[in-house]
C-alpha cells in the first residue's frame, strides 16, 4: 500500500473520521486539512474537533473515508496519535495556518492527529 497513489483524493476532499470513546460510543468528525506524510501515514489538523482527540487518547483505532464528486474514494483503517506540540503540530501550523488570513479565534490548530494506516480499501 502506498498512500501517495491516492494523494489527490485524500488531500483535496473532506475526510470523515470515525472514532470511539471509552464508553464505546462512536463519533464522526470531518476534516479538510489532511496530508500524506509517508507511504502509510497521514496527518490531520485538529481545528474544530471536540471529541476526536479524547477518543484517540482512549482508543487509538480509527477509520477514515474520503470521496470525490464521482463517489470514488478510500476507506482507511489504522491507529492514531494526538499531538498538541512538537514536529507534527508545527507541520499543521506551518501547512494550514501560517501566512493565511483566518478569523481571530482560529489562529492556530488545537493539535495534530497522525494516523498509521494498516488497511486501505478502494471504493469505486
PDB file of N, CA and C in Angstrom:
ATOM      1  N   UNK A   1       0.839  -1.176   0.000  1.00  0.00           N
ATOM      2  CA  UNK A   1       0.000   0.000   0.000  1.00  0.00           C
ATOM      3  C   UNK A   1       0.884   1.239   0.000  1.00  0.00           C
ATOM      4  N   UNK A   2       0.583   2.158  -0.882  1.00  0.00           N
ATOM      5  CA  UNK A   2       1.279   3.443  -0.902  1.00  0.00           C
ATOM      6  C   UNK A   2       0.219   4.532  -0.998  1.00  0.00           C
ATOM      7  N   UNK A   3       0.044   5.258   0.090  1.00  0.00           N
ATOM      8  CA  UNK A   3      -0.973   6.310   0.124  1.00  0.00           C
ATOM      9  C   UNK A   3      -0.736   7.388  -0.924  1.00  0.00           C
ATOM     10  N   UNK A   4       0.499   7.538  -1.361  1.00  0.00           N
ATOM     11  CA  UNK A   4       0.799   8.547  -2.381  1.00  0.00           C
ATOM     12  C   UNK A   4       0.025   8.298  -3.676  1.00  0.00           C
ATOM     13  N   UNK A   5      -0.399   7.047  -3.903  1.00  0.00           N
ATOM     14  CA  UNK A   5      -1.223   6.729  -5.070  1.00  0.00           C
ATOM     15  C   UNK A   5      -2.612   7.364  -4.967  1.00  0.00           C
ATOM     16  N   UNK A   6      -2.985   7.813  -3.770  1.00  0.00           N
ATOM     17  CA  UNK A   6      -4.304   8.400  -3.514  1.00  0.00           C
ATOM     18  C   UNK A   6      -4.186   9.852  -3.069  1.00  0.00           C
ATOM     19  N   UNK A   7      -3.050  10.458  -3.329  1.00  0.00           N
ATOM     20  CA  UNK A   7      -2.742  11.804  -2.836  1.00  0.00           C
ATOM     21  C   UNK A   7      -3.797  12.833  -3.225  1.00  0.00           C
ATOM     22  N   UNK A   8      -4.131  12.908  -4.497  1.00  0.00           N
ATOM     23  CA  UNK A   8      -5.104  13.917  -4.936  1.00  0.00           C
ATOM     24  C   UNK A   8      -6.448  13.711  -4.239  1.00  0.00           C
ATOM     25  N   UNK A   9      -6.899  12.492  -4.138  1.00  0.00           N
ATOM     26  CA  UNK A   9      -8.169  12.189  -3.497  1.00  0.00           C
ATOM     27  C   UNK A   9      -8.141  12.574  -2.019  1.00  0.00           C
ATOM     28  N   UNK A  10      -7.144  12.114  -1.286  1.00  0.00           N
ATOM     29  CA  UNK A  10      -7.076  12.321   0.161  1.00  0.00           C
ATOM     30  C   UNK A  10      -6.829  13.779   0.521  1.00  0.00           C
ATOM     31  N   UNK A  11      -5.984  14.444  -0.212  1.00  0.00           N
ATOM     32  CA  UNK A  11      -5.605  15.806   0.165  1.00  0.00           C
ATOM     33  C   UNK A  11      -6.551  16.876  -0.381  1.00  0.00           C
ATOM     34  N   UNK A  12      -7.414  16.534  -1.325  1.00  0.00           N
ATOM     35  CA  UNK A  12      -8.259  17.550  -1.948  1.00  0.00           C
ATOM     36  C   UNK A  12      -9.752  17.365  -1.709  1.00  0.00           C
ATOM     37  N   UNK A  13     -10.117  16.496  -0.777  1.00  0.00           N
ATOM     38  CA  UNK A  13     -11.517  16.266  -0.454  1.00  0.00           C
ATOM     39  C   UNK A  13     -11.670  16.136   1.056  1.00  0.00           C
ATOM     40  N   UNK A  14     -12.827  16.537   1.586  1.00  0.00           N
ATOM     41  CA  UNK A  14     -13.049  16.362   3.022  1.00  0.00           C
ATOM     42  C   UNK A  14     -13.024  14.880   3.406  1.00  0.00           C
ATOM     43  N   UNK A  15     -12.554  14.610   4.604  1.00  0.00           N
ATOM     44  CA  UNK A  15     -12.497  13.249   5.129  1.00  0.00           C
ATOM     45  C   UNK A  15     -13.410  13.118   6.339  1.00  0.00           C
ATOM     46  N   UNK A  16     -14.096  11.979   6.417  1.00  0.00           N
ATOM     47  CA  UNK A  16     -14.907  11.646   7.585  1.00  0.00           C
ATOM     48  C   UNK A  16     -14.070  10.758   8.494  1.00  0.00           C
ATOM     49  N   UNK A  17     -14.006  11.119   9.770  1.00  0.00           N
ATOM     50  CA  UNK A  17     -13.134  10.442  10.718  1.00  0.00           C
ATOM     51  C   UNK A  17     -13.987   9.803  11.798  1.00  0.00           C
ATOM     52  N   UNK A  18     -13.903   8.490  11.937  1.00  0.00           N
ATOM     53  CA  UNK A  18     -14.686   7.758  12.926  1.00  0.00           C
ATOM     54  C   UNK A  18     -13.789   7.283  14.063  1.00  0.00           C
ATOM     55  N   UNK A  19     -14.221   7.601  15.283  1.00  0.00           N
ATOM     56  CA  UNK A  19     -13.530   7.147  16.493  1.00  0.00           C
ATOM     57  C   UNK A  19     -14.579   6.629  17.472  1.00  0.00           C
ATOM     58  N   UNK A  20     -14.104   6.034  18.560  1.00  0.00           N
ATOM     59  CA  UNK A  20     -14.985   5.511  19.603  1.00  0.00           C
ATOM     60  C   UNK A  20     -14.439   5.952  20.945  1.00  0.00           C
ATOM     61  N   UNK A  21     -15.324   6.409  21.837  1.00  0.00           N
ATOM     62  CA  UNK A  21     -14.853   6.851  23.155  1.00  0.00           C
ATOM     63  C   UNK A  21     -14.721   5.684  24.128  1.00  0.00           C
ATOM     64  N   UNK A  22     -14.356   5.993  25.366  1.00  0.00           N
ATOM     65  CA  UNK A  22     -14.116   4.935  26.356  1.00  0.00           C
ATOM     66  C   UNK A  22     -15.407   4.276  26.844  1.00  0.00           C
ATOM     67  N   UNK A  23     -16.561   4.793  26.432  1.00  0.00           N
ATOM     68  CA  UNK A  23     -17.843   4.162  26.760  1.00  0.00           C
ATOM     69  C   UNK A  23     -18.420   3.453  25.535  1.00  0.00           C
ATOM     70  N   UNK A  24     -17.574   3.287  24.525  1.00  0.00           N
ATOM     71  CA  UNK A  24     -17.922   2.570  23.297  1.00  0.00           C
ATOM     72  C   UNK A  24     -18.957   3.300  22.446  1.00  0.00           C
ATOM     73  N   UNK A  25     -19.040   4.620  22.596  1.00  0.00           N
ATOM     74  CA  UNK A  25     -19.935   5.429  21.771  1.00  0.00           C
ATOM     75  C   UNK A  25     -19.161   5.966  20.570  1.00  0.00           C
ATOM     76  N   UNK A  26     -19.691   5.781  19.368  1.00  0.00           N
ATOM     77  CA  UNK A  26     -18.988   6.256  18.172  1.00  0.00           C
ATOM     78  C   UNK A  26     -19.099   7.768  17.999  1.00  0.00           C
ATOM     79  N   UNK A  27     -18.155   8.304  17.260  1.00  0.00           N
ATOM     80  CA  UNK A  27     -18.125   9.728  16.939  1.00  0.00           C
ATOM     81  C   UNK A  27     -17.610   9.871  15.515  1.00  0.00           C
ATOM     82  N   UNK A  28     -18.215  10.781  14.764  1.00  0.00           N
ATOM     83  CA  UNK A  28     -17.742  11.082  13.417  1.00  0.00           C
ATOM     84  C   UNK A  28     -17.441  12.570  13.335  1.00  0.00           C
ATOM     85  N   UNK A  29     -16.258  12.887  12.826  1.00  0.00           N
ATOM     86  CA  UNK A  29     -15.846  14.266  12.589  1.00  0.00           C
ATOM     87  C   UNK A  29     -15.495  14.408  11.118  1.00  0.00           C
ATOM     88  N   UNK A  30     -15.388  15.637  10.689  1.00  0.00           N
ATOM     89  CA  UNK A  30     -14.979  15.902   9.312  1.00  0.00           C
ATOM     90  C   UNK A  30     -13.738  16.775   9.330  1.00  0.00           C
ATOM     91  N   UNK A  31     -12.840  16.522   8.405  1.00  0.00           N
ATOM     92  CA  UNK A  31     -11.602  17.304   8.316  1.00  0.00           C
ATOM     93  C   UNK A  31     -11.291  17.593   6.860  1.00  0.00           C
ATOM     94  N   UNK A  32     -10.813  18.801   6.618  1.00  0.00           N
ATOM     95  CA  UNK A  32     -10.381  19.141   5.264  1.00  0.00           C
ATOM     96  C   UNK A  32      -8.877  19.361   5.198  1.00  0.00           C
ATOM     97  N   UNK A  33      -8.242  19.485   6.349  1.00  0.00           N
ATOM     98  CA  UNK A  33      -6.788  19.699   6.396  1.00  0.00           C
ATOM     99  C   UNK A  33      -6.083  18.371   6.660  1.00  0.00           C
ATOM    100  N   UNK A  34      -5.902  17.611   5.593  1.00  0.00           N
ATOM    101  CA  UNK A  34      -5.303  16.280   5.664  1.00  0.00           C
ATOM    102  C   UNK A  34      -4.155  16.218   4.662  1.00  0.00           C
ATOM    103  N   UNK A  35      -3.046  15.654   5.075  1.00  0.00           N
ATOM    104  CA  UNK A  35      -1.895  15.485   4.184  1.00  0.00           C
ATOM    105  C   UNK A  35      -1.287  14.099   4.387  1.00  0.00           C
ATOM    106  N   UNK A  36      -0.755  13.560   3.307  1.00  0.00           N
ATOM    107  CA  UNK A  36       0.006  12.312   3.367  1.00  0.00           C
ATOM    108  C   UNK A  36       1.418  12.674   3.784  1.00  0.00           C
ATOM    109  N   UNK A  37       1.953  11.982   4.790  1.00  0.00           N
ATOM    110  CA  UNK A  37       3.318  12.273   5.261  1.00  0.00           C
ATOM    111  C   UNK A  37       4.238  11.060   5.143  1.00  0.00           C
ATOM    112  N   UNK A  38       3.778  10.015   4.503  1.00  0.00           N
ATOM    113  CA  UNK A  38       4.576   8.822   4.284  1.00  0.00           C
ATOM    114  C   UNK A  38       3.753   7.822   3.494  1.00  0.00           C
ATOM    115  N   UNK A  39       4.349   6.743   3.085  1.00  0.00           N
ATOM    116  CA  UNK A  39       3.619   5.774   2.270  1.00  0.00           C
ATOM    117  C   UNK A  39       2.467   5.128   3.026  1.00  0.00           C
ATOM    118  N   UNK A  40       2.525   5.155   4.371  1.00  0.00           N
ATOM    119  CA  UNK A  40       1.454   4.559   5.164  1.00  0.00           C
ATOM    120  C   UNK A  40       0.992   5.470   6.304  1.00  0.00           C
ATOM    121  N   UNK A  41       1.199   6.785   6.171  1.00  0.00           N
ATOM    122  CA  UNK A  41       0.836   7.710   7.248  1.00  0.00           C
ATOM    123  C   UNK A  41       0.205   8.990   6.708  1.00  0.00           C
ATOM    124  N   UNK A  42      -0.781   9.485   7.463  1.00  0.00           N
ATOM    125  CA  UNK A  42      -1.378  10.771   7.155  1.00  0.00           C
ATOM    126  C   UNK A  42      -1.384  11.625   8.416  1.00  0.00           C
ATOM    127  N   UNK A  43      -1.515  12.930   8.213  1.00  0.00           N
ATOM    128  CA  UNK A  43      -1.627  13.865   9.322  1.00  0.00           C
ATOM    129  C   UNK A  43      -2.893  14.685   9.098  1.00  0.00           C
ATOM    130  N   UNK A  44      -3.607  14.942  10.201  1.00  0.00           N
ATOM    131  CA  UNK A  44      -4.864  15.686  10.165  1.00  0.00           C
ATOM    132  C   UNK A  44      -4.739  16.839  11.149  1.00  0.00           C
ATOM    133  N   UNK A  45      -5.014  18.036  10.690  1.00  0.00           N
ATOM    134  CA  UNK A  45      -5.010  19.192  11.577  1.00  0.00           C
ATOM    135  C   UNK A  45      -6.319  19.214  12.358  1.00  0.00           C
ATOM    136  N   UNK A  46      -6.209  19.323  13.674  1.00  0.00           N
ATOM    137  CA  UNK A  46      -7.395  19.392  14.535  1.00  0.00           C
ATOM    138  C   UNK A  46      -7.718  20.864  14.745  1.00  0.00           C
ATOM    139  N   UNK A  47      -8.823  21.295  14.146  1.00  0.00           N
ATOM    140  CA  UNK A  47      -9.214  22.688  14.233  1.00  0.00           C
ATOM    141  C   UNK A  47     -10.457  22.860  15.105  1.00  0.00           C
ATOM    142  N   UNK A  48     -11.525  22.194  14.769  1.00  0.00           N
ATOM    143  CA  UNK A  48     -12.793  22.349  15.478  1.00  0.00           C
ATOM    144  C   UNK A  48     -13.255  21.075  16.178  1.00  0.00           C
ATOM    145  N   UNK A  49     -12.546  19.991  16.033  1.00  0.00           N
ATOM    146  CA  UNK A  49     -12.960  18.724  16.634  1.00  0.00           C
ATOM    147  C   UNK A  49     -12.957  18.817  18.159  1.00  0.00           C
ATOM    148  N   UNK A  50     -14.036  18.318  18.757  1.00  0.00           N
ATOM    149  CA  UNK A  50     -14.130  18.347  20.217  1.00  0.00           C
ATOM    150  C   UNK A  50     -13.908  16.968  20.829  1.00  0.00           C
ATOM    151  N   UNK A  51     -14.536  15.944  20.276  1.00  0.00           N
ATOM    152  CA  UNK A  51     -14.480  14.610  20.863  1.00  0.00           C
ATOM    153  C   UNK A  51     -13.340  13.749  20.334  1.00  0.00           C
ATOM    154  N   UNK A  52     -12.976  13.954  19.087  1.00  0.00           N
ATOM    155  CA  UNK A  52     -11.997  13.086  18.428  1.00  0.00           C
ATOM    156  C   UNK A  52     -10.672  12.979  19.174  1.00  0.00           C
ATOM    157  N   UNK A  53     -10.050  14.091  19.608  1.00  0.00           N
ATOM    158  CA  UNK A  53      -8.765  13.957  20.311  1.00  0.00           C
ATOM    159  C   UNK A  53      -8.856  13.106  21.584  1.00  0.00           C
ATOM    160  N   UNK A  54      -9.909  13.303  22.373  1.00  0.00           N
ATOM    161  CA  UNK A  54     -10.070  12.499  23.591  1.00  0.00           C
ATOM    162  C   UNK A  54     -10.340  11.039  23.269  1.00  0.00           C
ATOM    163  N   UNK A  55     -11.136  10.794  22.234  1.00  0.00           N
ATOM    164  CA  UNK A  55     -11.397   9.417  21.836  1.00  0.00           C
ATOM    165  C   UNK A  55     -10.114   8.703  21.438  1.00  0.00           C
ATOM    166  N   UNK A  56      -9.251   9.401  20.711  1.00  0.00           N
ATOM    167  CA  UNK A  56      -7.984   8.799  20.283  1.00  0.00           C
ATOM    168  C   UNK A  56      -7.099   8.471  21.478  1.00  0.00           C
ATOM    169  N   UNK A  57      -7.123   9.322  22.484  1.00  0.00           N
ATOM    170  CA  UNK A  57      -6.334   9.049  23.695  1.00  0.00           C
ATOM    171  C   UNK A  57      -6.832   7.770  24.378  1.00  0.00           C
ATOM    172  N   UNK A  58      -8.150   7.553  24.359  1.00  0.00           N
ATOM    173  CA  UNK A  58      -8.734   6.367  24.992  1.00  0.00           C
ATOM    174  C   UNK A  58      -8.647   5.127  24.115  1.00  0.00           C
ATOM    175  N   UNK A  59      -8.769   5.321  22.799  1.00  0.00           N
ATOM    176  CA  UNK A  59      -8.798   4.200  21.859  1.00  0.00           C
ATOM    177  C   UNK A  59      -8.202   4.680  20.541  1.00  0.00           C
ATOM    178  N   UNK A  60      -6.997   4.273  20.210  1.00  0.00           N
ATOM    179  CA  UNK A  60      -6.317   4.806  19.016  1.00  0.00           C
ATOM    180  C   UNK A  60      -6.827   4.274  17.676  1.00  0.00           C
ATOM    181  N   UNK A  61      -7.742   3.315  17.687  1.00  0.00           N
ATOM    182  CA  UNK A  61      -8.258   2.778  16.426  1.00  0.00           C
ATOM    183  C   UNK A  61      -9.131   3.818  15.736  1.00  0.00           C
ATOM    184  N   UNK A  62      -8.947   3.926  14.420  1.00  0.00           N
ATOM    185  CA  UNK A  62      -9.604   4.987  13.673  1.00  0.00           C
ATOM    186  C   UNK A  62      -9.959   4.472  12.277  1.00  0.00           C
ATOM    187  N   UNK A  63     -11.058   5.007  11.738  1.00  0.00           N
ATOM    188  CA  UNK A  63     -11.441   4.732  10.349  1.00  0.00           C
ATOM    189  C   UNK A  63     -11.702   6.073   9.681  1.00  0.00           C
ATOM    190  N   UNK A  64     -11.274   6.188   8.428  1.00  0.00           N
ATOM    191  CA  UNK A  64     -11.395   7.450   7.694  1.00  0.00           C
ATOM    192  C   UNK A  64     -11.898   7.142   6.294  1.00  0.00           C
ATOM    193  N   UNK A  65     -12.924   7.875   5.863  1.00  0.00           N
ATOM    194  CA  UNK A  65     -13.389   7.746   4.489  1.00  0.00           C
ATOM    195  C   UNK A  65     -13.240   9.085   3.778  1.00  0.00           C
ATOM    196  N   UNK A  66     -12.904   9.001   2.506  1.00  0.00           N
ATOM    197  CA  UNK A  66     -12.779  10.181   1.658  1.00  0.00           C
ATOM    198  C   UNK A  66     -13.366   9.843   0.295  1.00  0.00           C
ATOM    199  N   UNK A  67     -14.195  10.750  -0.222  1.00  0.00           N
ATOM    200  CA  UNK A  67     -14.817  10.567  -1.531  1.00  0.00           C
ATOM    201  C   UNK A  67     -14.642  11.816  -2.369  1.00  0.00           C
ATOM    202  N   UNK A  68     -14.570  11.616  -3.689  1.00  0.00           N
ATOM    203  CA  UNK A  68     -14.588  12.766  -4.586  1.00  0.00           C
ATOM    204  C   UNK A  68     -16.005  12.949  -5.126  1.00  0.00           C
ATOM    205  N   UNK A  69     -16.196  13.883  -6.047  1.00  0.00           N
ATOM    206  CA  UNK A  69     -17.533  14.173  -6.582  1.00  0.00           C
ATOM    207  C   UNK A  69     -18.121  13.023  -7.387  1.00  0.00           C
ATOM    208  N   UNK A  70     -17.266  12.135  -7.862  1.00  0.00           N
ATOM    209  CA  UNK A  70     -17.726  10.974  -8.624  1.00  0.00           C
ATOM    210  C   UNK A  70     -17.986   9.768  -7.717  1.00  0.00           C
ATOM    211  N   UNK A  71     -17.914   9.967  -6.417  1.00  0.00           N
ATOM    212  CA  UNK A  71     -18.124   8.926  -5.407  1.00  0.00           C
ATOM    213  C   UNK A  71     -17.070   7.821  -5.459  1.00  0.00           C
ATOM    214  N   UNK A  72     -15.891   8.151  -5.951  1.00  0.00           N
ATOM    215  CA  UNK A  72     -14.754   7.250  -5.830  1.00  0.00           C
ATOM    216  C   UNK A  72     -14.043   7.647  -4.548  1.00  0.00           C
ATOM    217  N   UNK A  73     -13.540   6.667  -3.828  1.00  0.00           N
ATOM    218  CA  UNK A  73     -12.928   7.033  -2.568  1.00  0.00           C
ATOM    219  C   UNK A  73     -12.072   5.956  -1.957  1.00  0.00           C
ATOM    220  N   UNK A  74     -11.713   6.234  -0.714  1.00  0.00           N
ATOM    221  CA  UNK A  74     -10.927   5.284   0.066  1.00  0.00           C
ATOM    222  C   UNK A  74     -11.526   5.167   1.460  1.00  0.00           C
ATOM    223  N   UNK A  75     -11.324   4.022   2.028  1.00  0.00           N
ATOM    224  CA  UNK A  75     -11.625   3.776   3.429  1.00  0.00           C
ATOM    225  C   UNK A  75     -10.308   3.327   4.060  1.00  0.00           C
ATOM    226  N   UNK A  76      -9.827   4.112   5.019  1.00  0.00           N
ATOM    227  CA  UNK A  76      -8.556   3.825   5.680  1.00  0.00           C
ATOM    228  C   UNK A  76      -8.818   3.352   7.106  1.00  0.00           C
ATOM    229  N   UNK A  77      -8.067   2.366   7.546  1.00  0.00           N
ATOM    230  CA  UNK A  77      -8.129   1.885   8.922  1.00  0.00           C
ATOM    231  C   UNK A  77      -6.729   1.949   9.502  1.00  0.00           C
ATOM    232  N   UNK A  78      -6.611   2.386  10.742  1.00  0.00           N
ATOM    233  CA  UNK A  78      -5.287   2.467  11.340  1.00  0.00           C
ATOM    234  C   UNK A  78      -5.336   2.840  12.801  1.00  0.00           C
ATOM    235  N   UNK A  79      -4.178   3.245  13.289  1.00  0.00           N
ATOM    236  CA  UNK A  79      -4.053   3.695  14.674  1.00  0.00           C
ATOM    237  C   UNK A  79      -3.590   5.140  14.662  1.00  0.00           C
ATOM    238  N   UNK A  80      -4.147   5.921  15.589  1.00  0.00           N
ATOM    239  CA  UNK A  80      -3.901   7.357  15.603  1.00  0.00           C
ATOM    240  C   UNK A  80      -3.248   7.788  16.905  1.00  0.00           C
ATOM    241  N   UNK A  81      -2.483   8.863  16.814  1.00  0.00           N
ATOM    242  CA  UNK A  81      -1.883   9.516  17.969  1.00  0.00           C
ATOM    243  C   UNK A  81      -2.185  10.998  17.854  1.00  0.00           C
ATOM    244  N   UNK A  82      -2.545  11.617  18.981  1.00  0.00           N
ATOM    245  CA  UNK A  82      -2.875  13.037  19.016  1.00  0.00           C
ATOM    246  C   UNK A  82      -1.718  13.816  19.640  1.00  0.00           C
ATOM    247  N   UNK A  83      -1.321  14.908  18.990  1.00  0.00           N
ATOM    248  CA  UNK A  83      -0.204  15.744  19.447  1.00  0.00           C
ATOM    249  C   UNK A  83      -0.671  17.188  19.634  1.00  0.00           C
ATOM    250  N   UNK A  84      -0.230  17.811  20.712  1.00  0.00           N
ATOM    251  CA  UNK A  84      -0.531  19.237  20.939  1.00  0.00           C
ATOM    252  C   UNK A  84       0.723  20.093  20.841  1.00  0.00           C
ATOM    253  N   UNK A  85       1.858  19.487  20.544  1.00  0.00           N
ATOM    254  CA  UNK A  85       3.108  20.217  20.344  1.00  0.00           C
ATOM    255  C   UNK A  85       4.077  19.314  19.588  1.00  0.00           C
ATOM    256  N   UNK A  86       5.212  19.889  19.206  1.00  0.00           N
ATOM    257  CA  UNK A  86       6.239  19.109  18.534  1.00  0.00           C
ATOM    258  C   UNK A  86       6.155  19.203  17.026  1.00  0.00           C
ATOM    259  N   UNK A  87       6.903  18.324  16.362  1.00  0.00           N
ATOM    260  CA  UNK A  87       7.059  18.431  14.911  1.00  0.00           C
ATOM    261  C   UNK A  87       5.754  18.265  14.143  1.00  0.00           C
ATOM    262  N   UNK A  88       4.847  17.398  14.588  1.00  0.00           N
ATOM    263  CA  UNK A  88       3.591  17.210  13.860  1.00  0.00           C
ATOM    264  C   UNK A  88       2.666  18.411  14.041  1.00  0.00           C
ATOM    265  N   UNK A  89       2.622  18.937  15.251  1.00  0.00           N
ATOM    266  CA  UNK A  89       1.846  20.152  15.499  1.00  0.00           C
ATOM    267  C   UNK A  89       2.393  21.299  14.646  1.00  0.00           C
ATOM    268  N   UNK A  90       3.716  21.451  14.658  1.00  0.00           N
ATOM    269  CA  UNK A  90       4.349  22.509  13.861  1.00  0.00           C
ATOM    270  C   UNK A  90       4.055  22.340  12.371  1.00  0.00           C
ATOM    271  N   UNK A  91       4.045  21.094  11.898  1.00  0.00           N
ATOM    272  CA  UNK A  91       3.718  20.827  10.494  1.00  0.00           C
ATOM    273  C   UNK A  91       2.322  21.353  10.166  1.00  0.00           C
ATOM    274  N   UNK A  92       1.345  21.056  11.035  1.00  0.00           N
ATOM    275  CA  UNK A  92      -0.029  21.525  10.800  1.00  0.00           C
ATOM    276  C   UNK A  92      -0.095  23.045  10.827  1.00  0.00           C
ATOM    277  N   UNK A  93       0.567  23.647  11.786  1.00  0.00           N
ATOM    278  CA  UNK A  93       0.559  25.109  11.854  1.00  0.00           C
ATOM    279  C   UNK A  93       1.156  25.709  10.585  1.00  0.00           C
ATOM    280  N   UNK A  94       2.320  25.239  10.194  1.00  0.00           N
ATOM    281  CA  UNK A  94       3.021  25.796   9.029  1.00  0.00           C
ATOM    282  C   UNK A  94       2.301  25.507   7.717  1.00  0.00           C
ATOM    283  N   UNK A  95       1.624  24.367   7.629  1.00  0.00           N
ATOM    284  CA  UNK A  95       0.951  23.981   6.390  1.00  0.00           C
ATOM    285  C   UNK A  95      -0.419  24.625   6.248  1.00  0.00           C
ATOM    286  N   UNK A  96      -1.178  24.705   7.339  1.00  0.00           N
ATOM    287  CA  UNK A  96      -2.574  25.115   7.230  1.00  0.00           C
ATOM    288  C   UNK A  96      -2.893  26.489   7.829  1.00  0.00           C
ATOM    289  N   UNK A  97      -2.013  27.060   8.652  1.00  0.00           N
ATOM    290  CA  UNK A  97      -2.338  28.299   9.345  1.00  0.00           C
ATOM    291  C   UNK A  97      -1.401  29.457   9.032  1.00  0.00           C
ATOM    292  N   UNK A  98      -0.120  29.195   9.035  1.00  0.00           N
ATOM    293  CA  UNK A  98       0.854  30.257   8.827  1.00  0.00           C
ATOM    294  C   UNK A  98       0.617  30.939   7.477  1.00  0.00           C
ATOM    295  N   UNK A  99       0.694  32.237   7.474  1.00  0.00           N
ATOM    296  CA  UNK A  99       0.559  33.044   6.255  1.00  0.00           C
ATOM    297  C   UNK A  99      -0.843  33.020   5.653  1.00  0.00           C
ATOM    298  N   UNK A 100      -1.848  32.608   6.413  1.00  0.00           N
ATOM    299  CA  UNK A 100      -3.228  32.638   5.923  1.00  0.00           C
ATOM    300  C   UNK A 100      -4.025  33.633   6.741  1.00  0.00           C
ATOM    301  N   UNK A 101      -4.948  34.285   6.115  1.00  0.00           N
ATOM    302  CA  UNK A 101      -5.840  35.199   6.827  1.00  0.00           C
ATOM    303  C   UNK A 101      -7.015  34.382   7.345  1.00  0.00           C
ATOM    304  N   UNK A 102      -7.110  34.302   8.673  1.00  0.00           N
ATOM    305  CA  UNK A 102      -8.135  33.497   9.321  1.00  0.00           C
ATOM    306  C   UNK A 102      -8.851  34.326  10.382  1.00  0.00           C
ATOM    307  N   UNK A 103     -10.043  33.913  10.785  1.00  0.00           N
ATOM    308  CA  UNK A 103     -10.700  34.616  11.892  1.00  0.00           C
ATOM    309  C   UNK A 103      -9.820  34.610  13.142  1.00  0.00           C
ATOM    310  N   UNK A 104      -9.965  35.645  13.978  1.00  0.00           N
ATOM    311  CA  UNK A 104      -9.111  35.775  15.167  1.00  0.00           C
ATOM    312  C   UNK A 104      -9.155  34.563  16.083  1.00  0.00           C
ATOM    313  N   UNK A 105     -10.303  33.915  16.188  1.00  0.00           N
ATOM    314  CA  UNK A 105     -10.411  32.771  17.087  1.00  0.00           C
ATOM    315  C   UNK A 105      -9.861  31.481  16.473  1.00  0.00           C
ATOM    316  N   UNK A 106      -9.384  31.538  15.239  1.00  0.00           N
ATOM    317  CA  UNK A 106      -8.829  30.362  14.577  1.00  0.00           C
ATOM    318  C   UNK A 106      -7.444  30.709  14.042  1.00  0.00           C
ATOM    319  N   UNK A 107      -6.519  30.946  14.947  1.00  0.00           N
ATOM    320  CA  UNK A 107      -5.180  31.374  14.555  1.00  0.00           C
ATOM    321  C   UNK A 107      -4.148  30.266  14.629  1.00  0.00           C
ATOM    322  N   UNK A 108      -4.514  29.144  15.210  1.00  0.00           N
ATOM    323  CA  UNK A 108      -3.595  28.011  15.272  1.00  0.00           C
ATOM    324  C   UNK A 108      -4.403  26.739  15.487  1.00  0.00           C
ATOM    325  N   UNK A 109      -3.836  25.592  15.128  1.00  0.00           N
ATOM    326  CA  UNK A 109      -4.568  24.341  15.323  1.00  0.00           C
ATOM    327  C   UNK A 109      -4.631  23.973  16.804  1.00  0.00           C
ATOM    328  N   UNK A 110      -5.632  23.190  17.148  1.00  0.00           N
ATOM    329  CA  UNK A 110      -5.728  22.648  18.508  1.00  0.00           C
ATOM    330  C   UNK A 110      -4.775  21.475  18.689  1.00  0.00           C
ATOM    331  N   UNK A 111      -4.374  20.880  17.574  1.00  0.00           N
ATOM    332  CA  UNK A 111      -3.476  19.739  17.637  1.00  0.00           C
ATOM    333  C   UNK A 111      -3.327  19.089  16.279  1.00  0.00           C
ATOM    334  N   UNK A 112      -2.652  17.957  16.291  1.00  0.00           N
ATOM    335  CA  UNK A 112      -2.420  17.183  15.074  1.00  0.00           C
ATOM    336  C   UNK A 112      -2.670  15.715  15.371  1.00  0.00           C
ATOM    337  N   UNK A 113      -3.329  15.055  14.452  1.00  0.00           N
ATOM    338  CA  UNK A 113      -3.537  13.611  14.540  1.00  0.00           C
ATOM    339  C   UNK A 113      -2.670  12.966  13.468  1.00  0.00           C
ATOM    340  N   UNK A 114      -1.854  12.025  13.879  1.00  0.00           N
ATOM    341  CA  UNK A 114      -1.062  11.250  12.930  1.00  0.00           C
ATOM    342  C   UNK A 114      -1.626   9.834  12.928  1.00  0.00           C
ATOM    343  N   UNK A 115      -1.943   9.361  11.729  1.00  0.00           N
ATOM    344  CA  UNK A 115      -2.538   8.034  11.575  1.00  0.00           C
ATOM    345  C   UNK A 115      -1.579   7.139  10.809  1.00  0.00           C
ATOM    346  N   UNK A 116      -1.245   6.003  11.423  1.00  0.00           N
ATOM    347  CA  UNK A 116      -0.504   4.958  10.716  1.00  0.00           C
ATOM    348  C   UNK A 116      -1.552   4.025  10.134  1.00  0.00           C
ATOM    349  N   UNK A 117      -1.652   4.026   8.817  1.00  0.00           N
ATOM    350  CA  UNK A 117      -2.679   3.260   8.118  1.00  0.00           C
ATOM    351  C   UNK A 117      -2.204   1.822   7.951  1.00  0.00           C
ATOM    352  N   UNK A 118      -3.048   0.877   8.397  1.00  0.00           N
ATOM    353  CA  UNK A 118      -2.671  -0.531   8.222  1.00  0.00           C
ATOM    354  C   UNK A 118      -3.576  -1.268   7.227  1.00  0.00           C
ATOM    355  N   UNK A 119      -4.639  -0.580   6.756  1.00  0.00           N
ATOM    356  CA  UNK A 119      -5.508  -1.189   5.755  1.00  0.00           C
ATOM    357  C   UNK A 119      -6.149  -0.080   4.928  1.00  0.00           C
ATOM    358  N   UNK A 120      -6.208  -0.295   3.623  1.00  0.00           N
ATOM    359  CA  UNK A 120      -6.838   0.651   2.714  1.00  0.00           C
ATOM    360  C   UNK A 120      -7.789  -0.116   1.808  1.00  0.00           C
ATOM    361  N   UNK A 121      -9.008   0.393   1.693  1.00  0.00           N
ATOM    362  CA  UNK A 121      -9.970  -0.187   0.770  1.00  0.00           C
ATOM    363  C   UNK A 121     -10.361   0.885  -0.239  1.00  0.00           C
ATOM    364  N   UNK A 122     -10.329   0.536  -1.509  1.00  0.00           N
ATOM    365  CA  UNK A 122     -10.783   1.452  -2.553  1.00  0.00           C
ATOM    366  C   UNK A 122     -12.292   1.339  -2.671  1.00  0.00           C
ATOM    367  N   UNK A 123     -12.940   2.454  -2.894  1.00  0.00           N
ATOM    368  CA  UNK A 123     -14.384   2.482  -3.092  1.00  0.00           C
ATOM    369  C   UNK A 123     -14.625   3.068  -4.476  1.00  0.00           C
ATOM    370  N   UNK A 124     -15.260   2.288  -5.322  1.00  0.00           N
ATOM    371  CA  UNK A 124     -15.495   2.725  -6.711  1.00  0.00           C
ATOM    372  C   UNK A 124     -16.966   2.682  -7.024  1.00  0.00           C
TER     373      UNK A 124
END
